[in-house]
């Protein structure tokens, strides 16, 4: 009787309205249970679907729409969280860079104090970690380290030679043993290298070529060469200096004449093409040389080339020039074939 009196009047609707705030509080406090309950109900509703609904969607995916929605929301929330985390990390990196740029001396002092404290607490471990860190840096910057060594050896070649001589004097047996091991490690390659070197030297001596000598310029020499090149090409020359340079390294006259002729032809061809584009084809007759001019130019060019060839042959000839033999005029007459009488088979 008490329960009947405590229930709100008005039937099921009034009772649902009375219990609604409690349900909302329970849903807010237990979202996981609410989600699992919805999933179970959706799976049960899917199994109990009517025959008409199955006919309307015969290829429906067995996964419920609520489950798909939950999965999509989860993926979306995961991508959002990852994006927000990356944005926070980037903001922290930018803040750290800005702080380091503004407080570089302070940061270096903090690092120095930290290293001193680590060295005082455990010297052996500190030296081991320092060697490992240096080795990691060298492994990740191999090309930079090699270039630094090459520059150092090139700029201080005397010191490098003296250091190599001292090392060889103190470790001669080790160096010889390494050479022998390298030679026998790939014996065929060593022999092939030797054959290639000997063949190249034989070819060089047979052709009268000097031995190959390479001179590596030091850093000081490179800087001096660059300064000399800049001063040579950038300074203003006087008329006397230009004349002296032209006399020392003058261009042969025949090359100058050929350049002038080719330039004139190029200008004429360009002007002719431009005139055709403008519809002025009447200039063709004025620019085209006559047959006599072409014949004379060709004959002059052939005579010049013959003279150049004869001069080169006279300068390079090692044997006296043989006398030219001419065939008698009678021998130059071709023989007539014999006349045959009758039918020939």
C-alpha atoms as a PDB file:
ATOM      1  CA  UNK A   1       0.000   0.000   0.000  1.00  0.00           C
ATOM      2  CA  UNK A   2       2.880   2.320   0.717  1.00  0.00           C
ATOM      3  CA  UNK A   3       4.467   1.559  -2.657  1.00  0.00           C
ATOM      4  CA  UNK A   4       1.201   2.310  -4.406  1.00  0.00           C
ATOM      5  CA  UNK A   5       0.941   5.597  -2.573  1.00  0.00           C
ATOM      6  CA  UNK A   6       4.596   6.515  -3.283  1.00  0.00           C
ATOM      7  CA  UNK A   7       4.220   5.896  -7.070  1.00  0.00           C
ATOM      8  CA  UNK A   8       3.181   8.981  -8.963  1.00  0.00           C
ATOM      9  CA  UNK A   9      -0.314   9.159 -10.229  1.00  0.00           C
ATOM     10  CA  UNK A  10      -1.089   9.306 -13.934  1.00  0.00           C
ATOM     11  CA  UNK A  11       0.022   5.801 -15.101  1.00  0.00           C
ATOM     12  CA  UNK A  12       3.157   4.751 -17.017  1.00  0.00           C
ATOM     13  CA  UNK A  13       3.833   8.165 -18.541  1.00  0.00           C
ATOM     14  CA  UNK A  14       3.990   9.846 -15.159  1.00  0.00           C
ATOM     15  CA  UNK A  15       6.294   7.100 -13.833  1.00  0.00           C
ATOM     16  CA  UNK A  16       8.675   7.485 -16.794  1.00  0.00           C
ATOM     17  CA  UNK A  17       8.784  11.235 -16.286  1.00  0.00           C
ATOM     18  CA  UNK A  18       9.520  10.677 -12.597  1.00  0.00           C
ATOM     19  CA  UNK A  19      12.389   8.204 -13.317  1.00  0.00           C
ATOM     20  CA  UNK A  20      13.939  10.185 -16.215  1.00  0.00           C
ATOM     21  CA  UNK A  21      16.336  12.342 -14.062  1.00  0.00           C
ATOM     22  CA  UNK A  22      17.694   9.238 -12.356  1.00  0.00           C
ATOM     23  CA  UNK A  23      18.282   7.545 -15.698  1.00  0.00           C
ATOM     24  CA  UNK A  24      20.130  10.585 -17.019  1.00  0.00           C
ATOM     25  CA  UNK A  25      22.378  10.666 -13.948  1.00  0.00           C
ATOM     26  CA  UNK A  26      23.158   6.938 -14.368  1.00  0.00           C
ATOM     27  CA  UNK A  27      23.988   7.396 -18.069  1.00  0.00           C
ATOM     28  CA  UNK A  28      26.304  10.281 -17.269  1.00  0.00           C
ATOM     29  CA  UNK A  29      28.074   8.270 -14.575  1.00  0.00           C
ATOM     30  CA  UNK A  30      28.361   5.020 -16.604  1.00  0.00           C
ATOM     31  CA  UNK A  31      29.033   5.783 -20.289  1.00  0.00           C
ATOM     32  CA  UNK A  32      30.801   2.440 -20.855  1.00  0.00           C
ATOM     33  CA  UNK A  33      27.851   0.418 -19.642  1.00  0.00           C
ATOM     34  CA  UNK A  34      25.486   2.519 -21.726  1.00  0.00           C
ATOM     35  CA  UNK A  35      27.583   1.854 -24.840  1.00  0.00           C
ATOM     36  CA  UNK A  36      27.779  -1.916 -24.207  1.00  0.00           C
ATOM     37  CA  UNK A  37      24.041  -2.052 -23.543  1.00  0.00           C
ATOM     38  CA  UNK A  38      23.304  -0.274 -26.795  1.00  0.00           C
ATOM     39  CA  UNK A  39      25.557  -2.667 -28.687  1.00  0.00           C
ATOM     40  CA  UNK A  40      23.850  -5.722 -27.201  1.00  0.00           C
ATOM     41  CA  UNK A  41      20.427  -4.329 -27.979  1.00  0.00           C
ATOM     42  CA  UNK A  42      21.408  -3.448 -31.533  1.00  0.00           C
ATOM     43  CA  UNK A  43      22.790  -6.979 -32.080  1.00  0.00           C
ATOM     44  CA  UNK A  44      19.590  -8.489 -30.666  1.00  0.00           C
ATOM     45  CA  UNK A  45      17.443  -6.264 -32.840  1.00  0.00           C
ATOM     46  CA  UNK A  46      19.454  -7.300 -35.890  1.00  0.00           C
ATOM     47  CA  UNK A  47      18.876 -10.997 -35.190  1.00  0.00           C
ATOM     48  CA  UNK A  48      15.151 -10.432 -34.662  1.00  0.00           C
ATOM     49  CA  UNK A  49      14.618  -8.363 -37.792  1.00  0.00           C
ATOM     50  CA  UNK A  50      11.462  -9.041 -39.758  1.00  0.00           C
ATOM     51  CA  UNK A  51      11.370 -10.856 -43.088  1.00  0.00           C
ATOM     52  CA  UNK A  52      10.360  -7.712 -44.964  1.00  0.00           C
ATOM     53  CA  UNK A  53      13.397  -5.841 -43.623  1.00  0.00           C
ATOM     54  CA  UNK A  54      15.678  -8.687 -44.725  1.00  0.00           C
ATOM     55  CA  UNK A  55      14.183  -8.549 -48.231  1.00  0.00           C
ATOM     56  CA  UNK A  56      14.682  -4.787 -48.433  1.00  0.00           C
ATOM     57  CA  UNK A  57      18.353  -5.129 -47.445  1.00  0.00           C
ATOM     58  CA  UNK A  58      19.530  -8.626 -48.395  1.00  0.00           C
ATOM     59  CA  UNK A  59      23.230  -7.621 -48.563  1.00  0.00           C
ATOM     60  CA  UNK A  60      23.323  -5.667 -45.287  1.00  0.00           C
ATOM     61  CA  UNK A  61      26.595  -5.980 -43.403  1.00  0.00           C
ATOM     62  CA  UNK A  62      26.248  -8.084 -40.239  1.00  0.00           C
ATOM     63  CA  UNK A  63      27.868  -5.298 -38.252  1.00  0.00           C
ATOM     64  CA  UNK A  64      25.291  -2.955 -36.737  1.00  0.00           C
ATOM     65  CA  UNK A  65      25.133   0.720 -37.590  1.00  0.00           C
ATOM     66  CA  UNK A  66      25.806   1.665 -33.973  1.00  0.00           C
ATOM     67  CA  UNK A  67      28.966  -0.430 -33.912  1.00  0.00           C
ATOM     68  CA  UNK A  68      30.170   1.147 -37.136  1.00  0.00           C
ATOM     69  CA  UNK A  69      29.411   4.562 -35.790  1.00  0.00           C
ATOM     70  CA  UNK A  70      31.264   3.804 -32.557  1.00  0.00           C
ATOM     71  CA  UNK A  71      34.265   2.554 -34.517  1.00  0.00           C
ATOM     72  CA  UNK A  72      34.301   5.623 -36.777  1.00  0.00           C
ATOM     73  CA  UNK A  73      34.003   7.904 -33.783  1.00  0.00           C
ATOM     74  CA  UNK A  74      36.864   6.058 -32.125  1.00  0.00           C
ATOM     75  CA  UNK A  75      39.073   6.446 -35.202  1.00  0.00           C
ATOM     76  CA  UNK A  76      38.164  10.090 -35.491  1.00  0.00           C
ATOM     77  CA  UNK A  77      38.866  10.697 -31.817  1.00  0.00           C
ATOM     78  CA  UNK A  78      42.213   8.839 -32.113  1.00  0.00           C
ATOM     79  CA  UNK A  79      43.287  10.910 -35.123  1.00  0.00           C
ATOM     80  CA  UNK A  80      42.235  14.085 -33.335  1.00  0.00           C
ATOM     81  CA  UNK A  81      44.185  13.115 -30.217  1.00  0.00           C
ATOM     82  CA  UNK A  82      47.291  12.294 -32.268  1.00  0.00           C
ATOM     83  CA  UNK A  83      47.018  15.582 -34.153  1.00  0.00           C
ATOM     84  CA  UNK A  84      46.612  17.542 -30.952  1.00  0.00           C
ATOM     85  CA  UNK A  85      49.568  15.721 -29.384  1.00  0.00           C
ATOM     86  CA  UNK A  86      51.768  16.519 -32.391  1.00  0.00           C
ATOM     87  CA  UNK A  87      50.715  20.165 -32.229  1.00  0.00           C
ATOM     88  CA  UNK A  88      51.633  20.268 -28.547  1.00  0.00           C
ATOM     89  CA  UNK A  89      55.025  18.662 -29.242  1.00  0.00           C
ATOM     90  CA  UNK A  90      55.749  21.146 -32.031  1.00  0.00           C
ATOM     91  CA  UNK A  91      54.752  24.039 -29.800  1.00  0.00           C
ATOM     92  CA  UNK A  92      57.127  22.741 -27.108  1.00  0.00           C
ATOM     93  CA  UNK A  93      59.946  22.442 -29.650  1.00  0.00           C
ATOM     94  CA  UNK A  94      59.392  25.995 -30.872  1.00  0.00           C
ATOM     95  CA  UNK A  95      59.310  27.264 -27.317  1.00  0.00           C
ATOM     96  CA  UNK A  96      62.550  25.428 -26.526  1.00  0.00           C
ATOM     97  CA  UNK A  97      64.266  26.881 -29.602  1.00  0.00           C
ATOM     98  CA  UNK A  98      63.123  30.390 -28.752  1.00  0.00           C
ATOM     99  CA  UNK A  99      64.244  30.001 -25.150  1.00  0.00           C
ATOM    100  CA  UNK A 100      67.642  28.637 -26.195  1.00  0.00           C
ATOM    101  CA  UNK A 101      68.163  31.506 -28.656  1.00  0.00           C
ATOM    102  CA  UNK A 102      67.307  34.044 -25.964  1.00  0.00           C
ATOM    103  CA  UNK A 103      69.299  32.328 -23.160  1.00  0.00           C
ATOM    104  CA  UNK A 104      72.194  30.662 -24.971  1.00  0.00           C
ATOM    105  CA  UNK A 105      74.925  31.608 -22.435  1.00  0.00           C
ATOM    106  CA  UNK A 106      72.736  30.448 -19.557  1.00  0.00           C
ATOM    107  CA  UNK A 107      71.991  27.136 -21.275  1.00  0.00           C
ATOM    108  CA  UNK A 108      75.673  26.526 -21.947  1.00  0.00           C
ATOM    109  CA  UNK A 109      76.502  27.259 -18.322  1.00  0.00           C
ATOM    110  CA  UNK A 110      73.832  24.793 -17.175  1.00  0.00           C
ATOM    111  CA  UNK A 111      75.259  22.137 -19.462  1.00  0.00           C
ATOM    112  CA  UNK A 112      78.799  22.799 -18.250  1.00  0.00           C
ATOM    113  CA  UNK A 113      77.756  22.467 -14.608  1.00  0.00           C
ATOM    114  CA  UNK A 114      75.885  19.267 -15.378  1.00  0.00           C
ATOM    115  CA  UNK A 115      78.945  17.751 -17.084  1.00  0.00           C
ATOM    116  CA  UNK A 116      81.206  18.768 -14.210  1.00  0.00           C
ATOM    117  CA  UNK A 117      78.816  17.160 -11.733  1.00  0.00           C
ATOM    118  CA  UNK A 118      78.650  13.941 -13.781  1.00  0.00           C
ATOM    119  CA  UNK A 119      82.441  13.833 -14.127  1.00  0.00           C
ATOM    120  CA  UNK A 120      82.902  14.317 -10.388  1.00  0.00           C
ATOM    121  CA  UNK A 121      80.347  11.660  -9.426  1.00  0.00           C
ATOM    122  CA  UNK A 122      81.518   8.881 -11.785  1.00  0.00           C
ATOM    123  CA  UNK A 123      84.566   9.707 -13.946  1.00  0.00           C
ATOM    124  CA  UNK A 124      84.785   6.302 -15.660  1.00  0.00           C
ATOM    125  CA  UNK A 125      81.125   6.193 -16.643  1.00  0.00           C
ATOM    126  CA  UNK A 126      81.270   9.816 -17.797  1.00  0.00           C
ATOM    127  CA  UNK A 127      84.246   9.133 -20.095  1.00  0.00           C
ATOM    128  CA  UNK A 128      82.561   5.998 -21.490  1.00  0.00           C
ATOM    129  CA  UNK A 129      79.329   7.879 -22.258  1.00  0.00           C
ATOM    130  CA  UNK A 130      81.305  10.746 -23.789  1.00  0.00           C
ATOM    131  CA  UNK A 131      83.219   8.362 -26.080  1.00  0.00           C
ATOM    132  CA  UNK A 132      79.967   6.660 -27.115  1.00  0.00           C
ATOM    133  CA  UNK A 133      78.316  10.012 -27.888  1.00  0.00           C
ATOM    134  CA  UNK A 134      81.305  11.158 -29.941  1.00  0.00           C
ATOM    135  CA  UNK A 135      81.327   7.885 -31.846  1.00  0.00           C
ATOM    136  CA  UNK A 136      77.598   8.204 -32.615  1.00  0.00           C
ATOM    137  CA  UNK A 137      78.198  11.700 -33.972  1.00  0.00           C
ATOM    138  CA  UNK A 138      81.085  10.523 -36.156  1.00  0.00           C
ATOM    139  CA  UNK A 139      78.987   7.630 -37.483  1.00  0.00           C
ATOM    140  CA  UNK A 140      76.156   9.975 -38.435  1.00  0.00           C
ATOM    141  CA  UNK A 141      78.519  12.575 -40.014  1.00  0.00           C
ATOM    142  CA  UNK A 142      81.028  10.357 -41.823  1.00  0.00           C
ATOM    143  CA  UNK A 143      81.313  12.475 -44.965  1.00  0.00           C
ATOM    144  CA  UNK A 144      81.800  15.656 -42.925  1.00  0.00           C
ATOM    145  CA  UNK A 145      84.562  14.005 -40.893  1.00  0.00           C
ATOM    146  CA  UNK A 146      86.297  12.715 -44.030  1.00  0.00           C
ATOM    147  CA  UNK A 147      86.161  16.122 -45.706  1.00  0.00           C
ATOM    148  CA  UNK A 148      87.646  17.721 -42.591  1.00  0.00           C
ATOM    149  CA  UNK A 149      90.509  15.224 -42.626  1.00  0.00           C
ATOM    150  CA  UNK A 150      91.146  15.757 -46.326  1.00  0.00           C
ATOM    151  CA  UNK A 151      91.269  19.532 -45.885  1.00  0.00           C
ATOM    152  CA  UNK A 152      93.555  19.203 -42.891  1.00  0.00           C
ATOM    153  CA  UNK A 153      95.955  16.868 -44.709  1.00  0.00           C
ATOM    154  CA  UNK A 154      95.973  19.082 -47.800  1.00  0.00           C
ATOM    155  CA  UNK A 155      96.675  22.279 -45.868  1.00  0.00           C
ATOM    156  CA  UNK A 156      99.343  20.699 -43.646  1.00  0.00           C
ATOM    157  CA  UNK A 157     101.048  18.275 -46.003  1.00  0.00           C
ATOM    158  CA  UNK A 158     104.450  18.506 -44.290  1.00  0.00           C
ATOM    159  CA  UNK A 159     103.003  17.717 -40.884  1.00  0.00           C
ATOM    160  CA  UNK A 160     101.047  14.826 -42.411  1.00  0.00           C
ATOM    161  CA  UNK A 161     104.175  13.372 -44.023  1.00  0.00           C
ATOM    162  CA  UNK A 162     106.181  13.680 -40.820  1.00  0.00           C
ATOM    163  CA  UNK A 163     103.401  12.057 -38.794  1.00  0.00           C
ATOM    164  CA  UNK A 164     103.137   9.197 -41.308  1.00  0.00           C
ATOM    165  CA  UNK A 165     106.927   8.677 -41.217  1.00  0.00           C
ATOM    166  CA  UNK A 166     106.924   8.552 -37.402  1.00  0.00           C
ATOM    167  CA  UNK A 167     104.047   6.064 -37.388  1.00  0.00           C
ATOM    168  CA  UNK A 168     105.752   3.837 -39.963  1.00  0.00           C
ATOM    169  CA  UNK A 169     109.002   3.887 -38.011  1.00  0.00           C
ATOM    170  CA  UNK A 170     107.181   2.789 -34.870  1.00  0.00           C
ATOM    171  CA  UNK A 171     104.832   0.244 -36.546  1.00  0.00           C
ATOM    172  CA  UNK A 172     106.724  -0.974 -39.613  1.00  0.00           C
ATOM    173  CA  UNK A 173     105.919  -4.650 -39.047  1.00  0.00           C
ATOM    174  CA  UNK A 174     102.207  -3.968 -38.553  1.00  0.00           C
ATOM    175  CA  UNK A 175     102.004  -1.864 -41.722  1.00  0.00           C
ATOM    176  CA  UNK A 176     103.754  -4.544 -43.798  1.00  0.00           C
ATOM    177  CA  UNK A 177     101.498  -7.236 -42.372  1.00  0.00           C
ATOM    178  CA  UNK A 178      98.370  -5.235 -43.277  1.00  0.00           C
ATOM    179  CA  UNK A 179      99.662  -4.740 -46.810  1.00  0.00           C
ATOM    180  CA  UNK A 180     100.305  -8.472 -47.183  1.00  0.00           C
ATOM    181  CA  UNK A 181      96.833  -9.303 -45.858  1.00  0.00           C
ATOM    182  CA  UNK A 182      95.206  -6.826 -48.218  1.00  0.00           C
ATOM    183  CA  UNK A 183      97.208  -8.229 -51.151  1.00  0.00           C
ATOM    184  CA  UNK A 184      96.238 -11.841 -50.490  1.00  0.00           C
ATOM    185  CA  UNK A 185      92.643 -11.041 -49.498  1.00  0.00           C
ATOM    186  CA  UNK A 186      91.841 -10.383 -53.175  1.00  0.00           C
ATOM    187  CA  UNK A 187      94.832 -11.737 -55.069  1.00  0.00           C
ATOM    188  CA  UNK A 188      93.178 -11.639 -58.508  1.00  0.00           C
ATOM    189  CA  UNK A 189      92.226  -7.980 -58.147  1.00  0.00           C
ATOM    190  CA  UNK A 190      95.764  -7.086 -57.085  1.00  0.00           C
ATOM    191  CA  UNK A 191      97.185  -8.840 -60.134  1.00  0.00           C
ATOM    192  CA  UNK A 192      94.661  -7.144 -62.426  1.00  0.00           C
ATOM    193  CA  UNK A 193      95.602  -3.728 -61.008  1.00  0.00           C
ATOM    194  CA  UNK A 194      99.275  -4.468 -61.598  1.00  0.00           C
ATOM    195  CA  UNK A 195      98.653  -5.556 -65.209  1.00  0.00           C
ATOM    196  CA  UNK A 196      96.599  -2.439 -65.874  1.00  0.00           C
ATOM    197  CA  UNK A 197      99.294  -0.178 -64.443  1.00  0.00           C
ATOM    198  CA  UNK A 198     102.086  -1.856 -66.449  1.00  0.00           C
ATOM    199  CA  UNK A 199     100.072  -1.683 -69.675  1.00  0.00           C
ATOM    200  CA  UNK A 200      99.402   2.015 -69.119  1.00  0.00           C
ATOM    201  CA  UNK A 201     103.092   2.680 -68.452  1.00  0.00           C
ATOM    202  CA  UNK A 202     104.146   0.782 -71.603  1.00  0.00           C
ATOM    203  CA  UNK A 203     101.678   2.775 -73.680  1.00  0.00           C
ATOM    204  CA  UNK A 204     102.923   6.030 -72.123  1.00  0.00           C
ATOM    205  CA  UNK A 205     106.591   5.282 -72.839  1.00  0.00           C
ATOM    206  CA  UNK A 206     105.806   4.065 -76.371  1.00  0.00           C
ATOM    207  CA  UNK A 207     104.068   7.366 -77.181  1.00  0.00           C
ATOM    208  CA  UNK A 208     106.737   9.494 -75.546  1.00  0.00           C
ATOM    209  CA  UNK A 209     104.422  10.907 -72.868  1.00  0.00           C
ATOM    210  CA  UNK A 210     105.737  12.148 -69.519  1.00  0.00           C
ATOM    211  CA  UNK A 211     104.804  10.348 -66.296  1.00  0.00           C
ATOM    212  CA  UNK A 212     101.609  11.440 -64.603  1.00  0.00           C
ATOM    213  CA  UNK A 213     102.295  13.885 -61.819  1.00  0.00           C
ATOM    214  CA  UNK A 214      99.472  15.369 -59.790  1.00  0.00           C
ATOM    215  CA  UNK A 215      99.978  18.396 -57.598  1.00  0.00           C
ATOM    216  CA  UNK A 216      97.388  18.973 -54.925  1.00  0.00           C
ATOM    217  CA  UNK A 217      97.045  22.631 -54.051  1.00  0.00           C
ATOM    218  CA  UNK A 218      96.897  23.541 -50.383  1.00  0.00           C
ATOM    219  CA  UNK A 219      94.327  25.872 -48.929  1.00  0.00           C
ATOM    220  CA  UNK A 220      96.772  28.773 -48.994  1.00  0.00           C
ATOM    221  CA  UNK A 221      97.615  28.113 -52.648  1.00  0.00           C
ATOM    222  CA  UNK A 222      93.951  27.905 -53.593  1.00  0.00           C
ATOM    223  CA  UNK A 223      93.225  31.237 -51.920  1.00  0.00           C
ATOM    224  CA  UNK A 224      96.226  32.840 -53.663  1.00  0.00           C
ATOM    225  CA  UNK A 225      95.111  31.454 -57.027  1.00  0.00           C
ATOM    226  CA  UNK A 226      91.580  32.756 -56.561  1.00  0.00           C
ATOM    227  CA  UNK A 227      92.872  36.213 -55.593  1.00  0.00           C
ATOM    228  CA  UNK A 228      95.203  36.276 -58.619  1.00  0.00           C
ATOM    229  CA  UNK A 229      92.363  35.229 -60.947  1.00  0.00           C
ATOM    230  CA  UNK A 230      90.069  37.916 -59.563  1.00  0.00           C
ATOM    231  CA  UNK A 231      92.722  40.601 -59.977  1.00  0.00           C
ATOM    232  CA  UNK A 232      93.487  39.434 -63.527  1.00  0.00           C
ATOM    233  CA  UNK A 233      89.924  39.346 -64.818  1.00  0.00           C
ATOM    234  CA  UNK A 234      88.419  42.306 -62.954  1.00  0.00           C
ATOM    235  CA  UNK A 235      91.014  45.054 -63.316  1.00  0.00           C
ATOM    236  CA  UNK A 236      90.749  47.571 -66.152  1.00  0.00           C
ATOM    237  CA  UNK A 237      93.391  47.157 -68.886  1.00  0.00           C
ATOM    238  CA  UNK A 238      95.134  50.027 -70.602  1.00  0.00           C
ATOM    239  CA  UNK A 239      95.559  50.276 -74.366  1.00  0.00           C
ATOM    240  CA  UNK A 240      99.242  49.305 -74.077  1.00  0.00           C
ATOM    241  CA  UNK A 241      98.429  46.186 -72.055  1.00  0.00           C
ATOM    242  CA  UNK A 242      95.703  45.156 -74.483  1.00  0.00           C
ATOM    243  CA  UNK A 243      98.086  45.582 -77.412  1.00  0.00           C
ATOM    244  CA  UNK A 244     100.782  43.546 -75.675  1.00  0.00           C
ATOM    245  CA  UNK A 245      98.320  40.737 -74.896  1.00  0.00           C
ATOM    246  CA  UNK A 246      97.106  40.709 -78.493  1.00  0.00           C
ATOM    247  CA  UNK A 247     100.650  40.538 -79.809  1.00  0.00           C
ATOM    248  CA  UNK A 248     101.603  37.752 -77.409  1.00  0.00           C
ATOM    249  CA  UNK A 249      98.599  35.597 -78.163  1.00  0.00           C
ATOM    250  CA  UNK A 250      97.393  36.922 -81.478  1.00  0.00           C
ATOM    251  CA  UNK A 251      94.751  35.162 -83.576  1.00  0.00           C
ATOM    252  CA  UNK A 252      95.859  34.003 -87.048  1.00  0.00           C
ATOM    253  CA  UNK A 253      94.570  36.170 -89.855  1.00  0.00           C
ATOM    254  CA  UNK A 254      92.857  33.328 -91.689  1.00  0.00           C
ATOM    255  CA  UNK A 255      90.732  32.610 -88.615  1.00  0.00           C
ATOM    256  CA  UNK A 256      89.775  36.255 -88.396  1.00  0.00           C
ATOM    257  CA  UNK A 257      88.821  36.286 -92.080  1.00  0.00           C
ATOM    258  CA  UNK A 258      86.747  33.131 -91.645  1.00  0.00           C
ATOM    259  CA  UNK A 259      84.999  34.652 -88.648  1.00  0.00           C
ATOM    260  CA  UNK A 260      84.209  37.816 -90.585  1.00  0.00           C
ATOM    261  CA  UNK A 261      82.816  35.819 -93.511  1.00  0.00           C
ATOM    262  CA  UNK A 262      80.684  33.588 -91.274  1.00  0.00           C
ATOM    263  CA  UNK A 263      79.405  36.613 -89.368  1.00  0.00           C
ATOM    264  CA  UNK A 264      78.432  38.313 -92.593  1.00  0.00           C
ATOM    265  CA  UNK A 265      76.619  35.197 -93.781  1.00  0.00           C
ATOM    266  CA  UNK A 266      74.800  34.864 -90.478  1.00  0.00           C
ATOM    267  CA  UNK A 267      73.726  38.511 -90.531  1.00  0.00           C
ATOM    268  CA  UNK A 268      72.533  38.181 -94.101  1.00  0.00           C
ATOM    269  CA  UNK A 269      70.607  35.000 -93.322  1.00  0.00           C
ATOM    270  CA  UNK A 270      68.982  36.590 -90.276  1.00  0.00           C
ATOM    271  CA  UNK A 271      68.050  39.696 -92.254  1.00  0.00           C
ATOM    272  CA  UNK A 272      66.668  37.564 -95.048  1.00  0.00           C
ATOM    273  CA  UNK A 273      64.533  35.517 -92.641  1.00  0.00           C
ATOM    274  CA  UNK A 274      63.221  38.697 -91.078  1.00  0.00           C
ATOM    275  CA  UNK A 275      62.424  40.152 -94.491  1.00  0.00           C
ATOM    276  CA  UNK A 276      60.495  37.030 -95.445  1.00  0.00           C
ATOM    277  CA  UNK A 277      58.490  37.293 -92.250  1.00  0.00           C
ATOM    278  CA  UNK A 278      57.608  40.861 -93.177  1.00  0.00           C
ATOM    279  CA  UNK A 279      56.766  39.939 -96.750  1.00  0.00           C
ATOM    280  CA  UNK A 280      59.820  41.619 -98.269  1.00  0.00           C
ATOM    281  CA  UNK A 281      60.991  38.795-100.496  1.00  0.00           C
ATOM    282  CA  UNK A 282      62.420  41.222-103.035  1.00  0.00           C
ATOM    283  CA  UNK A 283      65.690  41.372-101.060  1.00  0.00           C
ATOM    284  CA  UNK A 284      66.484  37.826-102.090  1.00  0.00           C
ATOM    285  CA  UNK A 285      68.077  38.841-105.377  1.00  0.00           C
ATOM    286  CA  UNK A 286      70.148  41.574-103.715  1.00  0.00           C
ATOM    287  CA  UNK A 287      71.546  39.234-101.047  1.00  0.00           C
ATOM    288  CA  UNK A 288      72.092  36.184-103.240  1.00  0.00           C
ATOM    289  CA  UNK A 289      75.587  36.123-104.847  1.00  0.00           C
ATOM    290  CA  UNK A 290      75.889  35.580-108.560  1.00  0.00           C
ATOM    291  CA  UNK A 291      77.177  32.398-110.162  1.00  0.00           C
ATOM    292  CA  UNK A 292      80.499  34.025-111.028  1.00  0.00           C
ATOM    293  CA  UNK A 293      80.988  35.240-107.438  1.00  0.00           C
ATOM    294  CA  UNK A 294      80.207  31.793-106.043  1.00  0.00           C
ATOM    295  CA  UNK A 295      82.618  30.139-108.498  1.00  0.00           C
ATOM    296  CA  UNK A 296      85.394  32.598-107.697  1.00  0.00           C
ATOM    297  CA  UNK A 297      84.853  32.225-103.937  1.00  0.00           C
ATOM    298  CA  UNK A 298      84.927  28.432-104.176  1.00  0.00           C
ATOM    299  CA  UNK A 299      88.102  28.458-106.301  1.00  0.00           C
ATOM    300  CA  UNK A 300      89.833  30.862-103.900  1.00  0.00           C
ATOM    301  CA  UNK A 301      88.882  28.744-100.892  1.00  0.00           C
ATOM    302  CA  UNK A 302      90.131  25.555-102.563  1.00  0.00           C
ATOM    303  CA  UNK A 303      93.405  27.213-103.514  1.00  0.00           C
ATOM    304  CA  UNK A 304      93.867  28.455 -99.940  1.00  0.00           C
ATOM    305  CA  UNK A 305      93.199  24.991 -98.494  1.00  0.00           C
ATOM    306  CA  UNK A 306      95.630  23.413-100.982  1.00  0.00           C
ATOM    307  CA  UNK A 307      98.309  25.893 -99.970  1.00  0.00           C
ATOM    308  CA  UNK A 308      97.727  25.187 -96.261  1.00  0.00           C
ATOM    309  CA  UNK A 309      97.874  21.422 -96.872  1.00  0.00           C
ATOM    310  CA  UNK A 310     101.082  21.747 -98.915  1.00  0.00           C
ATOM    311  CA  UNK A 311     102.714  23.807 -96.141  1.00  0.00           C
ATOM    312  CA  UNK A 312     101.736  21.265 -93.499  1.00  0.00           C
ATOM    313  CA  UNK A 313     103.016  18.385 -95.613  1.00  0.00           C
ATOM    314  CA  UNK A 314     106.353  20.116 -96.219  1.00  0.00           C
ATOM    315  CA  UNK A 315     106.784  20.733 -92.493  1.00  0.00           C
ATOM    316  CA  UNK A 316     105.872  17.200 -91.411  1.00  0.00           C
ATOM    317  CA  UNK A 317     107.537  15.296 -94.275  1.00  0.00           C
ATOM    318  CA  UNK A 318     110.460  13.109 -93.161  1.00  0.00           C
ATOM    319  CA  UNK A 319     111.425  11.771 -96.615  1.00  0.00           C
ATOM    320  CA  UNK A 320     112.254  13.782 -99.736  1.00  0.00           C
ATOM    321  CA  UNK A 321     109.354  14.432-102.021  1.00  0.00           C
ATOM    322  CA  UNK A 322     109.153  11.906-104.841  1.00  0.00           C
ATOM    323  CA  UNK A 323     109.096  13.148-108.405  1.00  0.00           C
ATOM    324  CA  UNK A 324     105.710  13.153-110.064  1.00  0.00           C
ATOM    325  CA  UNK A 325     105.353  10.578-112.841  1.00  0.00           C
ATOM    326  CA  UNK A 326     103.135  11.436-115.737  1.00  0.00           C
ATOM    327  CA  UNK A 327     101.676   8.859-118.067  1.00  0.00           C
ATOM    328  CA  UNK A 328     102.458   9.370-121.786  1.00  0.00           C
ATOM    329  CA  UNK A 329      99.672  10.761-123.867  1.00  0.00           C
ATOM    330  CA  UNK A 330      99.642   7.679-126.064  1.00  0.00           C
ATOM    331  CA  UNK A 331      99.144   5.421-123.049  1.00  0.00           C
ATOM    332  CA  UNK A 332      96.162   7.471-121.886  1.00  0.00           C
ATOM    333  CA  UNK A 333      94.170   6.541-125.032  1.00  0.00           C
ATOM    334  CA  UNK A 334      91.827   3.719-124.121  1.00  0.00           C
ATOM    335  CA  UNK A 335      92.131   0.565-126.188  1.00  0.00           C
ATOM    336  CA  UNK A 336      89.229  -0.232-128.501  1.00  0.00           C
ATOM    337  CA  UNK A 337      87.767  -3.709-128.140  1.00  0.00           C
ATOM    338  CA  UNK A 338      88.436  -6.065-131.119  1.00  0.00           C
ATOM    339  CA  UNK A 339      85.811  -6.117-133.794  1.00  0.00           C
ATOM    340  CA  UNK A 340      84.154  -9.492-134.203  1.00  0.00           C
ATOM    341  CA  UNK A 341      82.590 -10.542-137.438  1.00  0.00           C
ATOM    342  CA  UNK A 342      79.572 -12.761-137.644  1.00  0.00           C
ATOM    343  CA  UNK A 343      77.292 -13.870-134.905  1.00  0.00           C
ATOM    344  CA  UNK A 344      78.634 -13.987-131.398  1.00  0.00           C
ATOM    345  CA  UNK A 345      77.387 -16.632-129.082  1.00  0.00           C
END
